[in-house]
């Protein structure tokens, strides 16, 4: 059986995945015990990845 990865390999698809992950993480953060600081780190990393496509 071949290995199936859940994170896309193409950069544009990975960006969409990161944006969706960020939105879902915000929604479930309280239930999962994720701090606001951690959410900000994920948001900043997502934005930084996004900036690579704008430049």
PDB file of N, CA and C in Angstrom:
ATOM      1  N   UNK A   1       0.842  -1.175   0.000  1.00  0.00           N
ATOM      2  CA  UNK A   1       0.000   0.000   0.000  1.00  0.00           C
ATOM      3  C   UNK A   1       0.894   1.248   0.000  1.00  0.00           C
ATOM      4  N   UNK A   2       0.594   2.190  -0.867  1.00  0.00           N
ATOM      5  CA  UNK A   2       1.406   3.399  -0.954  1.00  0.00           C
ATOM      6  C   UNK A   2       1.076   4.353   0.186  1.00  0.00           C
ATOM      7  N   UNK A   3       2.063   5.147   0.531  1.00  0.00           N
ATOM      8  CA  UNK A   3       1.913   6.110   1.598  1.00  0.00           C
ATOM      9  C   UNK A   3       1.112   7.308   1.110  1.00  0.00           C
ATOM     10  N   UNK A   4       0.185   7.784   1.931  1.00  0.00           N
ATOM     11  CA  UNK A   4      -0.629   8.937   1.586  1.00  0.00           C
ATOM     12  C   UNK A   4      -0.347  10.058   2.589  1.00  0.00           C
ATOM     13  N   UNK A   5       0.099  11.197   2.092  1.00  0.00           N
ATOM     14  CA  UNK A   5       0.424  12.318   2.954  1.00  0.00           C
ATOM     15  C   UNK A   5      -0.775  13.257   3.057  1.00  0.00           C
ATOM     16  N   UNK A   6      -0.993  13.800   4.248  1.00  0.00           N
ATOM     17  CA  UNK A   6      -2.136  14.688   4.427  1.00  0.00           C
ATOM     18  C   UNK A   6      -1.792  16.151   4.154  1.00  0.00           C
ATOM     19  N   UNK A   7      -0.522  16.491   4.093  1.00  0.00           N
ATOM     20  CA  UNK A   7      -0.110  17.851   3.754  1.00  0.00           C
ATOM     21  C   UNK A   7       0.256  17.856   2.268  1.00  0.00           C
ATOM     22  N   UNK A   8      -0.374  18.723   1.485  1.00  0.00           N
ATOM     23  CA  UNK A   8      -0.106  18.760   0.043  1.00  0.00           C
ATOM     24  C   UNK A   8       1.361  19.042  -0.281  1.00  0.00           C
ATOM     25  N   UNK A   9       1.809  18.538  -1.402  1.00  0.00           N
ATOM     26  CA  UNK A   9       3.192  18.707  -1.829  1.00  0.00           C
ATOM     27  C   UNK A   9       3.419  19.994  -2.612  1.00  0.00           C
ATOM     28  N   UNK A  10       2.404  20.477  -3.338  1.00  0.00           N
ATOM     29  CA  UNK A  10       2.545  21.702  -4.124  1.00  0.00           C
ATOM     30  C   UNK A  10       2.352  22.912  -3.211  1.00  0.00           C
ATOM     31  N   UNK A  11       3.172  23.937  -3.417  1.00  0.00           N
ATOM     32  CA  UNK A  11       3.150  25.098  -2.530  1.00  0.00           C
ATOM     33  C   UNK A  11       1.792  25.791  -2.457  1.00  0.00           C
ATOM     34  N   UNK A  12       1.138  25.996  -3.603  1.00  0.00           N
ATOM     35  CA  UNK A  12      -0.150  26.681  -3.578  1.00  0.00           C
ATOM     36  C   UNK A  12      -1.192  25.865  -2.822  1.00  0.00           C
ATOM     37  N   UNK A  13      -1.196  24.550  -3.032  1.00  0.00           N
ATOM     38  CA  UNK A  13      -2.129  23.686  -2.300  1.00  0.00           C
ATOM     39  C   UNK A  13      -1.785  23.677  -0.816  1.00  0.00           C
ATOM     40  N   UNK A  14      -0.502  23.729  -0.497  1.00  0.00           N
ATOM     41  CA  UNK A  14      -0.074  23.772   0.904  1.00  0.00           C
ATOM     42  C   UNK A  14      -0.534  25.066   1.563  1.00  0.00           C
ATOM     43  N   UNK A  15      -0.495  26.171   0.825  1.00  0.00           N
ATOM     44  CA  UNK A  15      -0.974  27.445   1.358  1.00  0.00           C
ATOM     45  C   UNK A  15      -2.461  27.357   1.696  1.00  0.00           C
ATOM     46  N   UNK A  16      -3.248  26.796   0.793  1.00  0.00           N
ATOM     47  CA  UNK A  16      -4.679  26.624   1.063  1.00  0.00           C
ATOM     48  C   UNK A  16      -4.899  25.733   2.283  1.00  0.00           C
ATOM     49  N   UNK A  17      -4.107  24.677   2.396  1.00  0.00           N
ATOM     50  CA  UNK A  17      -4.212  23.773   3.537  1.00  0.00           C
ATOM     51  C   UNK A  17      -3.881  24.519   4.827  1.00  0.00           C
ATOM     52  N   UNK A  18      -2.811  25.314   4.815  1.00  0.00           N
ATOM     53  CA  UNK A  18      -2.419  26.074   6.008  1.00  0.00           C
ATOM     54  C   UNK A  18      -3.489  27.071   6.419  1.00  0.00           C
ATOM     55  N   UNK A  19      -4.074  27.751   5.449  1.00  0.00           N
ATOM     56  CA  UNK A  19      -5.129  28.714   5.762  1.00  0.00           C
ATOM     57  C   UNK A  19      -6.332  28.012   6.382  1.00  0.00           C
ATOM     58  N   UNK A  20      -6.721  26.884   5.822  1.00  0.00           N
ATOM     59  CA  UNK A  20      -7.837  26.113   6.369  1.00  0.00           C
ATOM     60  C   UNK A  20      -7.499  25.587   7.760  1.00  0.00           C
ATOM     61  N   UNK A  21      -6.287  25.071   7.932  1.00  0.00           N
ATOM     62  CA  UNK A  21      -5.837  24.571   9.233  1.00  0.00           C
ATOM     63  C   UNK A  21      -5.900  25.678  10.274  1.00  0.00           C
ATOM     64  N   UNK A  22      -5.445  26.871   9.914  1.00  0.00           N
ATOM     65  CA  UNK A  22      -5.449  28.004  10.830  1.00  0.00           C
ATOM     66  C   UNK A  22      -6.875  28.333  11.279  1.00  0.00           C
ATOM     67  N   UNK A  23      -7.817  28.372  10.338  1.00  0.00           N
ATOM     68  CA  UNK A  23      -9.210  28.659  10.681  1.00  0.00           C
ATOM     69  C   UNK A  23      -9.804  27.581  11.579  1.00  0.00           C
ATOM     70  N   UNK A  24      -9.534  26.335  11.277  1.00  0.00           N
ATOM     71  CA  UNK A  24     -10.052  25.226  12.094  1.00  0.00           C
ATOM     72  C   UNK A  24      -9.424  25.237  13.483  1.00  0.00           C
ATOM     73  N   UNK A  25      -8.131  25.548  13.551  1.00  0.00           N
ATOM     74  CA  UNK A  25      -7.445  25.569  14.834  1.00  0.00           C
ATOM     75  C   UNK A  25      -8.030  26.636  15.751  1.00  0.00           C
ATOM     76  N   UNK A  26      -8.341  27.794  15.199  1.00  0.00           N
ATOM     77  CA  UNK A  26      -8.967  28.858  15.983  1.00  0.00           C
ATOM     78  C   UNK A  26     -10.295  28.365  16.550  1.00  0.00           C
ATOM     79  N   UNK A  27     -11.054  27.667  15.733  1.00  0.00           N
ATOM     80  CA  UNK A  27     -12.367  27.173  16.142  1.00  0.00           C
ATOM     81  C   UNK A  27     -12.265  26.162  17.292  1.00  0.00           C
ATOM     82  N   UNK A  28     -11.265  25.287  17.247  1.00  0.00           N
ATOM     83  CA  UNK A  28     -11.139  24.217  18.230  1.00  0.00           C
ATOM     84  C   UNK A  28     -10.123  24.505  19.343  1.00  0.00           C
ATOM     85  N   UNK A  29      -9.533  25.673  19.341  1.00  0.00           N
ATOM     86  CA  UNK A  29      -8.442  25.978  20.269  1.00  0.00           C
ATOM     87  C   UNK A  29      -8.835  25.784  21.736  1.00  0.00           C
ATOM     88  N   UNK A  30      -9.969  26.292  22.132  1.00  0.00           N
ATOM     89  CA  UNK A  30     -10.367  26.183  23.539  1.00  0.00           C
ATOM     90  C   UNK A  30     -10.564  24.723  23.947  1.00  0.00           C
ATOM     91  N   UNK A  31     -11.228  23.949  23.100  1.00  0.00           N
ATOM     92  CA  UNK A  31     -11.460  22.533  23.391  1.00  0.00           C
ATOM     93  C   UNK A  31     -10.155  21.751  23.475  1.00  0.00           C
ATOM     94  N   UNK A  32      -9.170  22.157  22.673  1.00  0.00           N
ATOM     95  CA  UNK A  32      -7.887  21.458  22.638  1.00  0.00           C
ATOM     96  C   UNK A  32      -6.857  22.043  23.601  1.00  0.00           C
ATOM     97  N   UNK A  33      -7.211  23.137  24.271  1.00  0.00           N
ATOM     98  CA  UNK A  33      -6.286  23.755  25.224  1.00  0.00           C
ATOM     99  C   UNK A  33      -5.125  24.475  24.560  1.00  0.00           C
ATOM    100  N   UNK A  34      -5.367  25.052  23.407  1.00  0.00           N
ATOM    101  CA  UNK A  34      -4.321  25.764  22.676  1.00  0.00           C
ATOM    102  C   UNK A  34      -4.368  27.235  23.060  1.00  0.00           C
ATOM    103  N   UNK A  35      -3.237  27.781  23.437  1.00  0.00           N
ATOM    104  CA  UNK A  35      -3.162  29.156  23.919  1.00  0.00           C
ATOM    105  C   UNK A  35      -3.265  30.165  22.778  1.00  0.00           C
ATOM    106  N   UNK A  36      -3.600  31.393  23.147  1.00  0.00           N
ATOM    107  CA  UNK A  36      -3.660  32.491  22.181  1.00  0.00           C
ATOM    108  C   UNK A  36      -2.284  32.716  21.567  1.00  0.00           C
ATOM    109  N   UNK A  37      -1.238  32.565  22.357  1.00  0.00           N
ATOM    110  CA  UNK A  37       0.126  32.747  21.854  1.00  0.00           C
ATOM    111  C   UNK A  37       0.432  31.743  20.747  1.00  0.00           C
ATOM    112  N   UNK A  38       0.022  30.508  20.946  1.00  0.00           N
ATOM    113  CA  UNK A  38       0.249  29.480  19.933  1.00  0.00           C
ATOM    114  C   UNK A  38      -0.557  29.773  18.673  1.00  0.00           C
ATOM    115  N   UNK A  39      -1.791  30.226  18.843  1.00  0.00           N
ATOM    116  CA  UNK A  39      -2.606  30.599  17.686  1.00  0.00           C
ATOM    117  C   UNK A  39      -1.944  31.721  16.894  1.00  0.00           C
ATOM    118  N   UNK A  40      -1.357  32.683  17.593  1.00  0.00           N
ATOM    119  CA  UNK A  40      -0.665  33.780  16.910  1.00  0.00           C
ATOM    120  C   UNK A  40       0.560  33.293  16.156  1.00  0.00           C
ATOM    121  N   UNK A  41       1.264  32.332  16.718  1.00  0.00           N
ATOM    122  CA  UNK A  41       2.426  31.756  16.030  1.00  0.00           C
ATOM    123  C   UNK A  41       1.989  31.090  14.730  1.00  0.00           C
ATOM    124  N   UNK A  42       0.916  30.305  14.790  1.00  0.00           N
ATOM    125  CA  UNK A  42       0.409  29.628  13.597  1.00  0.00           C
ATOM    126  C   UNK A  42      -0.063  30.654  12.570  1.00  0.00           C
ATOM    127  N   UNK A  43      -0.772  31.679  13.023  1.00  0.00           N
ATOM    128  CA  UNK A  43      -1.241  32.730  12.120  1.00  0.00           C
ATOM    129  C   UNK A  43      -0.061  33.446  11.462  1.00  0.00           C
ATOM    130  N   UNK A  44       0.946  33.802  12.245  1.00  0.00           N
ATOM    131  CA  UNK A  44       2.118  34.488  11.691  1.00  0.00           C
ATOM    132  C   UNK A  44       2.874  33.607  10.703  1.00  0.00           C
ATOM    133  N   UNK A  45       2.993  32.331  11.002  1.00  0.00           N
ATOM    134  CA  UNK A  45       3.669  31.417  10.081  1.00  0.00           C
ATOM    135  C   UNK A  45       2.880  31.251   8.786  1.00  0.00           C
ATOM    136  N   UNK A  46       1.559  31.180   8.897  1.00  0.00           N
ATOM    137  CA  UNK A  46       0.713  31.089   7.711  1.00  0.00           C
ATOM    138  C   UNK A  46       0.855  32.343   6.858  1.00  0.00           C
ATOM    139  N   UNK A  47       0.848  33.498   7.509  1.00  0.00           N
ATOM    140  CA  UNK A  47       1.014  34.763   6.778  1.00  0.00           C
ATOM    141  C   UNK A  47       2.389  34.861   6.127  1.00  0.00           C
ATOM    142  N   UNK A  48       3.415  34.405   6.805  1.00  0.00           N
ATOM    143  CA  UNK A  48       4.765  34.434   6.236  1.00  0.00           C
ATOM    144  C   UNK A  48       4.845  33.531   5.004  1.00  0.00           C
ATOM    145  N   UNK A  49       4.239  32.350   5.085  1.00  0.00           N
ATOM    146  CA  UNK A  49       4.218  31.446   3.931  1.00  0.00           C
ATOM    147  C   UNK A  49       3.464  32.097   2.784  1.00  0.00           C
ATOM    148  N   UNK A  50       2.370  32.779   3.097  1.00  0.00           N
ATOM    149  CA  UNK A  50       1.573  33.472   2.086  1.00  0.00           C
ATOM    150  C   UNK A  50       2.386  34.581   1.419  1.00  0.00           C
ATOM    151  N   UNK A  51       3.199  35.293   2.165  1.00  0.00           N
ATOM    152  CA  UNK A  51       4.002  36.390   1.624  1.00  0.00           C
ATOM    153  C   UNK A  51       4.988  35.915   0.570  1.00  0.00           C
ATOM    154  N   UNK A  52       5.414  34.670   0.640  1.00  0.00           N
ATOM    155  CA  UNK A  52       6.351  34.172  -0.358  1.00  0.00           C
ATOM    156  C   UNK A  52       5.725  34.162  -1.753  1.00  0.00           C
ATOM    157  N   UNK A  53       4.403  34.076  -1.820  1.00  0.00           N
ATOM    158  CA  UNK A  53       3.721  34.069  -3.113  1.00  0.00           C
ATOM    159  C   UNK A  53       3.414  35.476  -3.613  1.00  0.00           C
ATOM    160  N   UNK A  54       3.424  36.451  -2.727  1.00  0.00           N
ATOM    161  CA  UNK A  54       3.106  37.812  -3.131  1.00  0.00           C
ATOM    162  C   UNK A  54       4.335  38.560  -3.618  1.00  0.00           C
ATOM    163  N   UNK A  55       5.504  38.080  -3.281  1.00  0.00           N
ATOM    164  CA  UNK A  55       6.756  38.773  -3.681  1.00  0.00           C
ATOM    165  C   UNK A  55       7.365  38.169  -4.904  1.00  0.00           C
TER     166      UNK A  55
END
